[in-house]
Amino acid sequence: MGTALREVVGECLRSPLVSPYLIHYKPKARLREQIDAKEHWTSVTPDYLTKEFSKARDAAHAYDHMPVGERPTFHEIRALGACGREDDEALPGGARRQDDRVR
């Protein structure tokens, strides 16, 4: 594990919120239907990172010159970060195969 990743993991572990998940959050409201839809009330939904990345990308105004539907997604940026890397740590599991089409 590299230094930057170690720091991020350490920050996650120091979270005051007790959770079995490394990446987690405290929902603004705990509605029964939302709690029942997830494995744990602090877990993120499958599309959470995608939505939050889109919000941050748009708030940064870095791609205002592009139509909303053409702006890079979390997964496209992630694939570009792994582009050209030969080591097994670039992307977990089958992600390399899925991201090959972005290259």
Protein backbone atom coordinates (compact mmCIF):
# COMPACT_ATOMS: atom_id res chain seq x y z
CA MET A 1 0.00 0.00 0.00
CA GLY A 2 1.41 3.39 -0.99
CA THR A 3 1.67 6.38 1.33
CA ALA A 4 -1.29 8.26 -0.16
CA LEU A 5 -3.58 5.24 0.04
CA ARG A 6 -2.39 4.51 3.59
CA GLU A 7 -3.33 8.07 4.61
CA VAL A 8 -6.80 7.76 3.07
CA VAL A 9 -7.42 4.41 4.76
CA GLY A 10 -6.24 5.88 8.06
CA GLU A 11 -8.67 8.76 7.68
CA CYS A 12 -11.52 6.31 7.04
CA LEU A 13 -10.58 4.28 10.12
CA ARG A 14 -10.50 7.40 12.32
CA SER A 15 -14.09 8.24 11.41
CA PRO A 16 -16.19 8.77 14.54
CA LEU A 17 -18.96 6.80 12.85
CA VAL A 18 -18.74 3.10 13.69
CA SER A 19 -19.21 1.11 10.50
CA PRO A 20 -18.13 -2.27 9.13
CA TYR A 21 -17.34 -0.49 5.84
CA LEU A 22 -14.19 1.48 5.01
CA ILE A 23 -16.18 3.85 2.77
CA HIS A 24 -19.28 4.91 4.66
CA TYR A 25 -21.35 7.93 5.60
CA LYS A 26 -24.02 9.14 7.97
CA PRO A 27 -27.28 9.67 6.07
CA LYS A 28 -29.09 12.94 6.72
CA ALA A 29 -32.19 10.94 7.64
CA ARG A 30 -32.62 7.27 8.46
CA LEU A 31 -35.82 6.29 6.72
CA ARG A 32 -36.93 2.68 7.17
CA GLU A 33 -37.15 2.04 3.40
CA GLN A 34 -33.60 3.33 2.88
CA ILE A 35 -32.22 1.31 5.78
CA ASP A 36 -33.92 -1.85 4.52
CA ALA A 37 -32.50 -1.31 1.01
CA LYS A 38 -28.88 -1.48 2.25
CA GLU A 39 -26.77 -4.07 4.06
CA HIS A 40 -25.94 -1.56 6.83
CA TRP A 41 -27.31 1.92 7.55
CA THR A 42 -23.84 3.48 7.01
CA SER A 43 -23.07 1.70 3.73
CA VAL A 44 -23.07 3.55 0.46
CA THR A 45 -25.37 2.58 -2.39
CA PRO A 46 -23.80 1.27 -5.62
CA ASP A 47 -24.34 4.61 -7.37
CA TYR A 48 -23.22 6.82 -4.44
CA LEU A 49 -19.67 7.47 -5.68
CA THR A 50 -20.91 8.12 -9.21
CA LYS A 51 -23.45 10.71 -8.03
CA GLU A 52 -21.08 12.40 -5.58
CA PHE A 53 -18.32 12.56 -8.20
CA SER A 54 -20.73 14.21 -10.65
CA LYS A 55 -21.70 16.79 -8.02
CA ALA A 56 -18.05 17.58 -7.23
CA ARG A 57 -17.07 17.70 -10.92
CA ASP A 58 -19.89 20.13 -11.71
CA ALA A 59 -19.18 22.27 -8.62
CA ALA A 60 -15.54 22.62 -9.79
CA HIS A 61 -16.80 24.04 -13.15
CA ALA A 62 -13.91 22.26 -14.92
CA TYR A 63 -16.17 20.88 -17.66
CA ASP A 64 -18.76 23.64 -18.03
CA HIS A 65 -17.78 23.89 -21.70
CA MET A 66 -19.11 20.35 -22.30
CA PRO A 67 -22.73 19.21 -22.44
CA VAL A 68 -23.75 17.41 -19.22
CA GLY A 69 -24.09 14.03 -20.96
CA GLU A 70 -20.54 14.23 -22.36
CA ARG A 71 -18.68 15.16 -19.17
CA PRO A 72 -16.30 12.48 -17.85
CA THR A 73 -17.70 10.08 -15.28
CA PHE A 74 -16.07 8.69 -12.15
CA HIS A 75 -15.46 5.39 -13.95
CA GLU A 76 -13.89 7.02 -17.02
CA ILE A 77 -11.48 9.06 -14.88
CA ARG A 78 -10.66 5.95 -12.87
CA ALA A 79 -9.90 4.02 -16.05
CA LEU A 80 -7.62 6.79 -17.28
CA GLY A 81 -5.72 6.65 -14.00
CA ALA A 82 -5.01 2.97 -14.59
CA CYS A 83 -4.19 3.42 -18.27
CA GLY A 84 -0.72 2.14 -19.10
CA ARG A 85 -0.19 0.46 -15.74
CA GLU A 86 0.80 -3.17 -15.90
CA ASP A 87 0.67 -4.03 -12.21
CA ASP A 88 -2.22 -5.95 -10.71
CA GLU A 89 -3.02 -3.14 -8.27
CA ALA A 90 -4.12 -0.71 -11.00
CA LEU A 91 -7.74 -1.85 -10.88
CA PRO A 92 -9.36 -4.54 -8.75
CA GLY A 93 -10.95 -7.69 -10.13
CA GLY A 94 -12.57 -7.50 -13.55
CA ALA A 95 -12.43 -3.72 -13.67
CA ARG A 96 -9.47 -3.79 -16.09
CA ARG A 97 -11.53 -5.70 -18.66
CA GLN A 98 -14.46 -3.31 -18.30
CA ASP A 99 -12.25 -0.24 -18.53
CA ASP A 100 -10.34 -1.43 -21.61
CA ARG A 101 -13.10 -0.07 -23.81
CA VAL A 102 -12.39 3.46 -22.55
CA ARG A 103 -8.82 3.43 -23.88
